[in-house]
């Protein structure tokens, strides 16, 4: 008999150190829950997230990727999130061209004081990815 595995999506979250990661920390210390399958990668600023990082995450088996940063105008590196926003809009058009669903990638601005918002965004994103199912478009079978 073949064993049937229950599908749990892999979600990668790139979070800026100053706001979004602190928001995730606040969500945890406030005992707000979000899915355990959200893997957080801490970056100094959202502008440090190269679009290739997101493509590589999809290639390595991620079903959804979310980038969280400081609110526009509140970046600790002055204008880093403006650069990130511009890069992500270009990435979205490239992902559309490649045939990857737009809902698999998301950008959110979460401050350090918004732990509840962080938990809500992650729960909502995980629900969306769960409904979309497994991402097979950029999957590299060698990584499984």
C-alpha atoms as a PDB file:
ATOM      1  CA  UNK A   1       0.000   0.000   0.000  1.00  0.00           C
ATOM      2  CA  UNK A   2       1.122   3.487  -0.767  1.00  0.00           C
ATOM      3  CA  UNK A   3       1.249   5.987   2.051  1.00  0.00           C
ATOM      4  CA  UNK A   4      -0.812   9.121   1.453  1.00  0.00           C
ATOM      5  CA  UNK A   5       0.859  12.308   2.652  1.00  0.00           C
ATOM      6  CA  UNK A   6      -1.158  15.328   3.648  1.00  0.00           C
ATOM      7  CA  UNK A   7      -0.115  18.412   1.705  1.00  0.00           C
ATOM      8  CA  UNK A   8       1.426  21.204   3.751  1.00  0.00           C
ATOM      9  CA  UNK A   9       2.709  24.128   1.706  1.00  0.00           C
ATOM     10  CA  UNK A  10       6.173  25.576   2.237  1.00  0.00           C
ATOM     11  CA  UNK A  11       6.068  29.354   2.614  1.00  0.00           C
ATOM     12  CA  UNK A  12       9.179  31.525   2.704  1.00  0.00           C
ATOM     13  CA  UNK A  13       8.938  34.965   4.316  1.00  0.00           C
ATOM     14  CA  UNK A  14      11.695  37.527   3.805  1.00  0.00           C
ATOM     15  CA  UNK A  15      11.379  39.957   6.738  1.00  0.00           C
ATOM     16  CA  UNK A  16      13.333  43.144   7.311  1.00  0.00           C
ATOM     17  CA  UNK A  17      15.215  43.222  10.583  1.00  0.00           C
ATOM     18  CA  UNK A  18      13.866  46.518  11.887  1.00  0.00           C
ATOM     19  CA  UNK A  19      10.122  46.250  11.353  1.00  0.00           C
ATOM     20  CA  UNK A  20       8.712  43.000  10.013  1.00  0.00           C
ATOM     21  CA  UNK A  21      10.980  40.659  11.938  1.00  0.00           C
ATOM     22  CA  UNK A  22      10.211  42.646  15.091  1.00  0.00           C
ATOM     23  CA  UNK A  23       6.508  42.359  14.190  1.00  0.00           C
ATOM     24  CA  UNK A  24       6.924  38.588  13.965  1.00  0.00           C
ATOM     25  CA  UNK A  25       8.657  38.636  17.333  1.00  0.00           C
ATOM     26  CA  UNK A  26       5.786  40.664  18.809  1.00  0.00           C
ATOM     27  CA  UNK A  27       3.273  38.200  17.365  1.00  0.00           C
ATOM     28  CA  UNK A  28       5.157  35.362  19.039  1.00  0.00           C
ATOM     29  CA  UNK A  29       5.497  37.086  22.397  1.00  0.00           C
ATOM     30  CA  UNK A  30       1.804  38.040  22.253  1.00  0.00           C
ATOM     31  CA  UNK A  31       1.014  34.356  21.652  1.00  0.00           C
ATOM     32  CA  UNK A  32      -0.659  35.045  18.327  1.00  0.00           C
ATOM     33  CA  UNK A  33      -0.477  32.026  16.096  1.00  0.00           C
ATOM     34  CA  UNK A  34       0.534  31.737  12.472  1.00  0.00           C
ATOM     35  CA  UNK A  35       1.395  28.542  10.559  1.00  0.00           C
ATOM     36  CA  UNK A  36       4.575  26.704  11.429  1.00  0.00           C
ATOM     37  CA  UNK A  37       5.268  26.098   7.742  1.00  0.00           C
ATOM     38  CA  UNK A  38       6.137  29.806   7.312  1.00  0.00           C
ATOM     39  CA  UNK A  39       9.932  29.924   7.257  1.00  0.00           C
ATOM     40  CA  UNK A  40      11.217  33.400   8.087  1.00  0.00           C
ATOM     41  CA  UNK A  41      14.454  34.671   6.597  1.00  0.00           C
ATOM     42  CA  UNK A  42      15.741  37.781   8.330  1.00  0.00           C
ATOM     43  CA  UNK A  43      17.273  40.401   6.035  1.00  0.00           C
ATOM     44  CA  UNK A  44      18.741  43.799   7.023  1.00  0.00           C
ATOM     45  CA  UNK A  45      16.312  45.657   4.766  1.00  0.00           C
ATOM     46  CA  UNK A  46      13.662  44.698   2.230  1.00  0.00           C
ATOM     47  CA  UNK A  47      15.816  46.248  -0.500  1.00  0.00           C
ATOM     48  CA  UNK A  48      18.349  43.456   0.129  1.00  0.00           C
ATOM     49  CA  UNK A  49      15.891  40.907  -1.272  1.00  0.00           C
ATOM     50  CA  UNK A  50      17.106  40.236  -4.766  1.00  0.00           C
ATOM     51  CA  UNK A  51      14.370  38.904  -7.089  1.00  0.00           C
ATOM     52  CA  UNK A  52      16.674  35.945  -7.718  1.00  0.00           C
ATOM     53  CA  UNK A  53      16.225  34.962  -4.051  1.00  0.00           C
ATOM     54  CA  UNK A  54      12.508  34.597  -4.676  1.00  0.00           C
ATOM     55  CA  UNK A  55      13.010  32.618  -7.881  1.00  0.00           C
ATOM     56  CA  UNK A  56      15.514  30.392  -6.069  1.00  0.00           C
ATOM     57  CA  UNK A  57      13.005  29.806  -3.251  1.00  0.00           C
ATOM     58  CA  UNK A  58      10.428  28.657  -5.817  1.00  0.00           C
ATOM     59  CA  UNK A  59      13.052  26.462  -7.454  1.00  0.00           C
ATOM     60  CA  UNK A  60      13.927  24.890  -4.091  1.00  0.00           C
ATOM     61  CA  UNK A  61      10.311  23.912  -3.447  1.00  0.00           C
ATOM     62  CA  UNK A  62       8.582  26.930  -1.922  1.00  0.00           C
ATOM     63  CA  UNK A  63       4.881  27.098  -2.706  1.00  0.00           C
ATOM     64  CA  UNK A  64       4.619  30.773  -1.757  1.00  0.00           C
ATOM     65  CA  UNK A  65       6.997  33.636  -1.021  1.00  0.00           C
ATOM     66  CA  UNK A  66       6.129  36.787   0.898  1.00  0.00           C
ATOM     67  CA  UNK A  67       8.343  39.806   1.429  1.00  0.00           C
ATOM     68  CA  UNK A  68       7.644  42.006   4.447  1.00  0.00           C
ATOM     69  CA  UNK A  69       9.267  45.354   5.092  1.00  0.00           C
ATOM     70  CA  UNK A  70       8.879  48.713   6.790  1.00  0.00           C
ATOM     71  CA  UNK A  71       6.039  50.959   5.710  1.00  0.00           C
ATOM     72  CA  UNK A  72       7.048  53.272   2.835  1.00  0.00           C
ATOM     73  CA  UNK A  73       8.601  56.375   4.342  1.00  0.00           C
ATOM     74  CA  UNK A  74       9.577  54.588   7.575  1.00  0.00           C
ATOM     75  CA  UNK A  75      12.584  52.635   6.309  1.00  0.00           C
ATOM     76  CA  UNK A  76      15.621  52.647   8.599  1.00  0.00           C
ATOM     77  CA  UNK A  77      17.771  52.891   5.472  1.00  0.00           C
ATOM     78  CA  UNK A  78      15.857  55.943   4.178  1.00  0.00           C
ATOM     79  CA  UNK A  79      14.504  54.642   0.858  1.00  0.00           C
ATOM     80  CA  UNK A  80      15.206  50.901   0.838  1.00  0.00           C
ATOM     81  CA  UNK A  81      11.571  49.835   0.714  1.00  0.00           C
ATOM     82  CA  UNK A  82      10.975  52.059  -2.330  1.00  0.00           C
ATOM     83  CA  UNK A  83      13.675  50.123  -4.184  1.00  0.00           C
ATOM     84  CA  UNK A  84      12.150  46.850  -2.999  1.00  0.00           C
ATOM     85  CA  UNK A  85       8.677  47.887  -4.142  1.00  0.00           C
ATOM     86  CA  UNK A  86       9.979  48.761  -7.595  1.00  0.00           C
ATOM     87  CA  UNK A  87      11.902  45.481  -7.893  1.00  0.00           C
ATOM     88  CA  UNK A  88       8.898  43.456  -6.794  1.00  0.00           C
ATOM     89  CA  UNK A  89       6.604  45.075  -9.360  1.00  0.00           C
ATOM     90  CA  UNK A  90       9.080  44.037 -12.062  1.00  0.00           C
ATOM     91  CA  UNK A  91       9.280  40.544 -10.570  1.00  0.00           C
ATOM     92  CA  UNK A  92       5.486  40.231 -10.615  1.00  0.00           C
ATOM     93  CA  UNK A  93       5.399  40.918 -14.349  1.00  0.00           C
ATOM     94  CA  UNK A  94       8.174  38.367 -14.905  1.00  0.00           C
ATOM     95  CA  UNK A  95       6.328  35.729 -12.859  1.00  0.00           C
ATOM     96  CA  UNK A  96       3.160  36.409 -14.891  1.00  0.00           C
ATOM     97  CA  UNK A  97       5.189  35.855 -18.061  1.00  0.00           C
ATOM     98  CA  UNK A  98       6.531  32.578 -16.639  1.00  0.00           C
ATOM     99  CA  UNK A  99       3.027  31.369 -15.814  1.00  0.00           C
ATOM    100  CA  UNK A 100       3.313  31.440 -12.024  1.00  0.00           C
ATOM    101  CA  UNK A 101       0.144  32.498 -10.252  1.00  0.00           C
ATOM    102  CA  UNK A 102       0.264  36.066  -8.963  1.00  0.00           C
ATOM    103  CA  UNK A 103      -1.133  34.975  -5.604  1.00  0.00           C
ATOM    104  CA  UNK A 104       1.990  32.902  -4.818  1.00  0.00           C
ATOM    105  CA  UNK A 105       4.063  36.040  -4.230  1.00  0.00           C
ATOM    106  CA  UNK A 106       3.108  38.915  -1.993  1.00  0.00           C
ATOM    107  CA  UNK A 107       4.537  42.129  -0.542  1.00  0.00           C
ATOM    108  CA  UNK A 108       3.374  43.465   2.815  1.00  0.00           C
ATOM    109  CA  UNK A 109       4.470  46.420   4.912  1.00  0.00           C
ATOM    110  CA  UNK A 110       4.409  45.502   8.610  1.00  0.00           C
ATOM    111  CA  UNK A 111       5.873  47.658  11.374  1.00  0.00           C
ATOM    112  CA  UNK A 112       7.405  46.464  14.624  1.00  0.00           C
ATOM    113  CA  UNK A 113       4.235  47.390  16.532  1.00  0.00           C
ATOM    114  CA  UNK A 114       1.934  45.365  14.262  1.00  0.00           C
ATOM    115  CA  UNK A 115       2.290  41.846  15.622  1.00  0.00           C
ATOM    116  CA  UNK A 116      -1.416  41.138  15.117  1.00  0.00           C
ATOM    117  CA  UNK A 117      -1.202  42.309  11.506  1.00  0.00           C
ATOM    118  CA  UNK A 118       1.821  40.050  10.919  1.00  0.00           C
ATOM    119  CA  UNK A 119      -0.046  37.012  12.244  1.00  0.00           C
ATOM    120  CA  UNK A 120      -3.174  37.858  10.201  1.00  0.00           C
ATOM    121  CA  UNK A 121      -1.155  38.367   7.000  1.00  0.00           C
ATOM    122  CA  UNK A 122       0.674  35.054   7.448  1.00  0.00           C
ATOM    123  CA  UNK A 123      -2.542  33.157   8.210  1.00  0.00           C
ATOM    124  CA  UNK A 124      -4.282  34.676   5.198  1.00  0.00           C
ATOM    125  CA  UNK A 125      -1.319  34.031   2.895  1.00  0.00           C
ATOM    126  CA  UNK A 126      -0.997  30.421   4.086  1.00  0.00           C
ATOM    127  CA  UNK A 127      -4.713  29.876   3.420  1.00  0.00           C
ATOM    128  CA  UNK A 128      -4.335  31.281  -0.116  1.00  0.00           C
ATOM    129  CA  UNK A 129      -1.304  29.085  -0.847  1.00  0.00           C
ATOM    130  CA  UNK A 130      -3.068  26.032   0.571  1.00  0.00           C
ATOM    131  CA  UNK A 131      -5.989  26.645  -1.808  1.00  0.00           C
ATOM    132  CA  UNK A 132      -3.619  27.078  -4.794  1.00  0.00           C
ATOM    133  CA  UNK A 133      -1.909  23.774  -4.056  1.00  0.00           C
ATOM    134  CA  UNK A 134       1.607  22.670  -4.812  1.00  0.00           C
ATOM    135  CA  UNK A 135       3.801  24.834  -7.023  1.00  0.00           C
ATOM    136  CA  UNK A 136       5.268  22.740  -9.817  1.00  0.00           C
ATOM    137  CA  UNK A 137       6.121  25.467 -12.310  1.00  0.00           C
ATOM    138  CA  UNK A 138       9.709  26.252 -11.214  1.00  0.00           C
ATOM    139  CA  UNK A 139      10.295  23.146  -9.144  1.00  0.00           C
ATOM    140  CA  UNK A 140      13.698  21.517  -9.441  1.00  0.00           C
ATOM    141  CA  UNK A 141      13.227  17.811  -8.724  1.00  0.00           C
ATOM    142  CA  UNK A 142      16.828  17.492  -7.552  1.00  0.00           C
ATOM    143  CA  UNK A 143      15.946  19.621  -4.497  1.00  0.00           C
ATOM    144  CA  UNK A 144      13.300  17.185  -3.211  1.00  0.00           C
END
